[in-house]
Amino acid sequence: MKSNNLVLSAALLLVAGAARAEAWSIDSAHTRVGFSVSHMVVSSVEGRFHDVKGAIELDDKDLTKSTVDLTLAAASIDTVNEKRDGHLKSADFLDVAKYPNITFKSTRIAKAAKNKYKVTGDLTIRNVKKSMTFDVSVSDPITDLSGKPVRGARVEGKLNRHEFGLNWNKTLDKGGMLIGDEVTLNIQFELNK
C-alpha cells in the first residue's frame, strides 16, 4: 500500500510539473536566425535562415524545466548572394535536397545568471547529430499592443562546421583558407503565448 502511494505521489508530481509548462509560438516576422563565418581571412559573411518552426514549452516558475524543439528549413538560407546561396544549398555544404531540415532539441537547461541560461541539446545538420550548448538570455514576459503576452530570447554560440560534414574549402594563394571553420550563431526570437 505504501509503495502504491509513493508511485501515485510521484505520478502526480510529474503531471503537476508538466502542467506548468506553457506553449509559446515563434513570431517569424520578429525572429532572426543569423550566423557569420570568416571569409578570405579578412572579413566575414553573414547570413540567416528565414524558415524556422518549433515547439517551445516554457515553465515560468522554473525555466530550467522548459523544452525547445526547433526546425530550420535548410533551403531558406540567405546570404544576400544567390550564387553563394546556391553553393551553400549544394552537396558541398548543406545538401538541402537530401537533408531538408536542421533541427535542435533541448536535453538540459541550466541557469547561468538572472534571465541567462545554458541550453544543451542535440543539433542535427546533414543527419549528423551533436550535443551543443548555447548561451540563451530570456526576457520577462510583457504585454503587446493587443494585450497578449510576448517575450524575447537571444541565443549565442559557436560551432565547428567540419563536425557536421561541411568540409568544402579552398586554400588562398598567400595562405589561409577561403572559409573559416568556426560558425558564429546569433539568433533572436520573439515568442507569443
Protein backbone atom coordinates (compact mmCIF):
# COMPACT_ATOMS: atom_id res chain seq x y z
CA MET A 1 0.00 0.00 0.00
CA LYS A 2 2.85 2.37 0.94
CA SER A 3 4.63 1.70 -2.36
CA ASN A 4 1.41 2.40 -4.33
CA ASN A 5 1.09 5.74 -2.53
CA LEU A 6 4.69 6.61 -3.45
CA VAL A 7 4.08 5.75 -7.10
CA LEU A 8 0.85 7.79 -7.14
CA SER A 9 2.56 10.76 -5.45
CA ALA A 10 5.45 10.65 -7.95
CA ALA A 11 3.00 10.48 -10.86
CA LEU A 12 1.03 13.46 -9.52
CA LEU A 13 4.24 15.48 -9.13
CA LEU A 14 5.22 14.71 -12.73
CA VAL A 15 1.79 15.70 -14.03
CA ALA A 16 1.80 18.89 -11.94
CA GLY A 17 5.29 19.76 -13.21
CA ALA A 18 4.33 19.15 -16.82
CA ALA A 19 1.16 21.22 -16.44
CA ARG A 20 3.19 24.32 -15.53
CA ALA A 21 4.95 24.49 -18.91
CA GLU A 22 3.04 26.55 -21.48
CA ALA A 23 3.39 26.64 -25.24
CA TRP A 24 4.90 29.73 -26.84
CA SER A 25 4.91 30.22 -30.61
CA ILE A 26 7.65 31.78 -32.71
CA ASP A 27 6.74 35.13 -34.27
CA SER A 28 8.53 34.66 -37.60
CA ALA A 29 8.18 38.35 -38.53
CA HIS A 30 10.27 39.30 -35.49
CA THR A 31 12.68 36.37 -35.34
CA ARG A 32 16.15 36.22 -36.90
CA VAL A 33 18.21 33.03 -37.10
CA GLY A 34 21.56 34.53 -38.04
CA PHE A 35 25.11 33.27 -38.49
CA SER A 36 28.50 34.53 -39.62
CA VAL A 37 31.69 32.86 -40.83
CA SER A 38 35.15 34.16 -41.75
CA HIS A 39 35.71 34.86 -45.46
CA MET A 40 39.19 35.02 -47.02
CA VAL A 41 40.69 35.70 -43.56
CA VAL A 42 39.94 39.44 -43.92
CA SER A 43 36.18 39.70 -43.41
CA SER A 44 33.10 37.67 -42.60
CA VAL A 45 29.94 36.66 -44.40
CA GLU A 46 26.65 36.93 -42.58
CA GLY A 47 23.52 35.01 -43.36
CA ARG A 48 20.26 33.79 -41.95
CA PHE A 49 17.59 31.15 -42.23
CA HIS A 50 14.14 32.56 -42.95
CA ASP A 51 12.02 29.47 -42.25
CA VAL A 52 12.06 28.43 -38.58
CA LYS A 53 9.36 26.46 -36.80
CA GLY A 54 9.26 24.95 -33.38
CA ALA A 55 7.63 23.92 -30.17
CA ILE A 56 8.77 25.93 -27.18
CA GLU A 57 7.34 24.99 -23.80
CA LEU A 58 8.29 27.45 -21.05
CA ASP A 59 7.84 26.82 -17.35
CA ASP A 60 7.71 30.33 -15.87
CA LYS A 61 8.19 29.06 -12.33
CA ASP A 62 11.43 27.31 -13.32
CA LEU A 63 12.72 27.92 -16.85
CA THR A 64 15.24 25.08 -16.43
CA LYS A 65 12.25 22.73 -16.80
CA SER A 66 11.36 24.19 -20.21
CA THR A 67 11.85 22.46 -23.57
CA VAL A 68 12.86 23.67 -27.02
CA ASP A 69 12.33 21.80 -30.29
CA LEU A 70 13.28 23.78 -33.42
CA THR A 71 13.37 23.03 -37.14
CA LEU A 72 15.03 25.21 -39.78
CA ALA A 73 14.34 24.67 -43.46
CA ALA A 74 17.90 24.38 -44.81
CA ALA A 75 16.81 25.74 -48.21
CA SER A 76 15.75 29.02 -46.56
CA ILE A 77 19.42 30.02 -46.10
CA ASP A 78 20.08 33.56 -47.32
CA THR A 79 23.43 35.39 -47.51
CA VAL A 80 22.15 38.06 -49.93
CA ASN A 81 24.06 36.44 -52.79
CA GLU A 82 22.17 33.95 -54.99
CA LYS A 83 25.28 32.23 -56.34
CA ARG A 84 26.72 31.71 -52.86
CA ASP A 85 23.32 30.59 -51.53
CA GLY A 86 23.10 28.03 -54.34
CA HIS A 87 26.53 26.68 -53.39
CA LEU A 88 25.57 26.52 -49.70
CA LYS A 89 22.45 24.52 -50.63
CA SER A 90 24.50 22.07 -52.74
CA ALA A 91 26.10 18.77 -51.67
CA ASP A 92 29.33 20.72 -50.89
CA PHE A 93 27.58 22.17 -47.83
CA LEU A 94 24.00 21.66 -46.58
CA ASP A 95 22.84 19.30 -49.37
CA VAL A 96 19.26 20.53 -48.94
CA ALA A 97 17.84 18.05 -51.46
CA LYS A 98 18.99 15.16 -49.25
CA TYR A 99 18.81 16.87 -45.82
CA PRO A 100 15.98 19.44 -45.93
CA ASN A 101 15.96 20.26 -42.21
CA ILE A 102 18.32 21.40 -39.47
CA THR A 103 16.96 20.54 -36.02
CA PHE A 104 17.69 21.33 -32.40
CA LYS A 105 16.09 19.54 -29.44
CA SER A 106 16.96 20.62 -25.92
CA THR A 107 18.14 17.97 -23.47
CA ARG A 108 19.14 20.17 -20.50
CA ILE A 109 18.71 23.77 -19.41
CA ALA A 110 20.86 25.20 -16.63
CA LYS A 111 20.56 28.65 -15.05
CA ALA A 112 23.70 30.77 -15.51
CA ALA A 113 22.55 34.15 -14.08
CA LYS A 114 19.39 36.23 -13.90
CA ASN A 115 17.47 35.61 -17.16
CA LYS A 116 20.53 33.78 -18.58
CA TYR A 117 20.76 30.05 -19.27
CA LYS A 118 22.99 27.39 -20.79
CA VAL A 119 20.81 25.35 -23.13
CA THR A 120 22.21 21.98 -24.17
CA GLY A 121 20.62 19.90 -26.86
CA ASP A 122 21.02 17.78 -29.95
CA LEU A 123 21.82 19.80 -33.07
CA THR A 124 21.39 17.83 -36.30
CA ILE A 125 22.83 19.07 -39.61
CA ARG A 126 23.18 16.77 -42.64
CA ASN A 127 21.97 13.87 -40.48
CA VAL A 128 24.93 14.37 -38.10
CA LYS A 129 23.75 14.83 -34.51
CA LYS A 130 25.99 16.56 -31.94
CA SER A 131 25.32 17.72 -28.41
CA MET A 132 25.82 21.50 -28.30
CA THR A 133 25.45 24.10 -25.56
CA PHE A 134 24.34 27.66 -26.31
CA ASP A 135 24.09 30.81 -24.20
CA VAL A 136 20.48 31.97 -24.01
CA SER A 137 19.02 35.08 -22.44
CA VAL A 138 15.26 35.27 -21.97
CA SER A 139 13.26 38.40 -21.25
CA ASP A 140 10.47 38.55 -18.76
CA PRO A 141 7.05 38.48 -20.46
CA ILE A 142 5.42 41.77 -21.40
CA THR A 143 2.03 42.57 -22.91
CA ASP A 144 1.88 43.57 -26.59
CA LEU A 145 -0.46 46.21 -28.05
CA SER A 146 -3.25 43.66 -28.45
CA GLY A 147 -2.99 42.56 -24.80
CA LYS A 148 -1.20 39.24 -25.42
CA PRO A 149 1.92 38.03 -23.57
CA VAL A 150 5.18 38.37 -25.54
CA ARG A 151 8.79 37.67 -24.62
CA GLY A 152 12.14 37.62 -26.34
CA ALA A 153 15.05 35.20 -26.34
CA ARG A 154 18.56 35.65 -27.66
CA VAL A 155 20.83 32.70 -28.48
CA GLU A 156 24.58 32.95 -28.98
CA GLY A 157 27.06 30.22 -29.69
CA LYS A 158 29.71 28.79 -31.97
CA LEU A 159 30.14 25.55 -33.82
CA ASN A 160 32.80 23.94 -35.96
CA ARG A 161 31.25 23.29 -39.36
CA HIS A 162 33.54 20.29 -40.01
CA GLU A 163 31.88 18.39 -37.15
CA PHE A 164 28.73 18.33 -39.30
CA GLY A 165 30.40 17.32 -42.56
CA LEU A 166 30.52 20.86 -44.01
CA ASN A 167 34.10 20.43 -45.23
CA TRP A 168 34.34 22.21 -48.60
CA ASN A 169 37.07 24.88 -48.73
CA LYS A 170 39.82 26.39 -50.90
CA THR A 171 43.37 27.40 -49.97
CA LEU A 172 44.23 31.04 -50.70
CA ASP A 173 47.33 31.95 -52.73
CA LYS A 174 49.06 33.65 -49.79
CA GLY A 175 47.98 31.11 -47.18
CA GLY A 176 44.86 30.72 -45.15
CA MET A 177 41.53 29.30 -46.19
CA LEU A 178 38.66 30.82 -48.13
CA ILE A 179 36.12 29.92 -45.43
CA GLY A 180 36.68 29.77 -41.68
CA ASP A 181 35.98 26.63 -39.68
CA GLU A 182 34.02 28.37 -36.92
CA VAL A 183 30.44 29.49 -37.43
CA THR A 184 29.10 32.10 -35.00
CA LEU A 185 25.38 31.95 -34.25
CA ASN A 186 23.33 34.98 -33.29
CA ILE A 187 19.64 34.17 -33.01
CA GLN A 188 16.85 36.40 -31.78
CA PHE A 189 13.37 35.07 -31.11
CA GLU A 190 10.16 36.88 -30.37
CA LEU A 191 7.71 34.49 -28.75
CA ASN A 192 3.94 34.76 -28.36
CA LYS A 193 1.84 32.85 -25.84
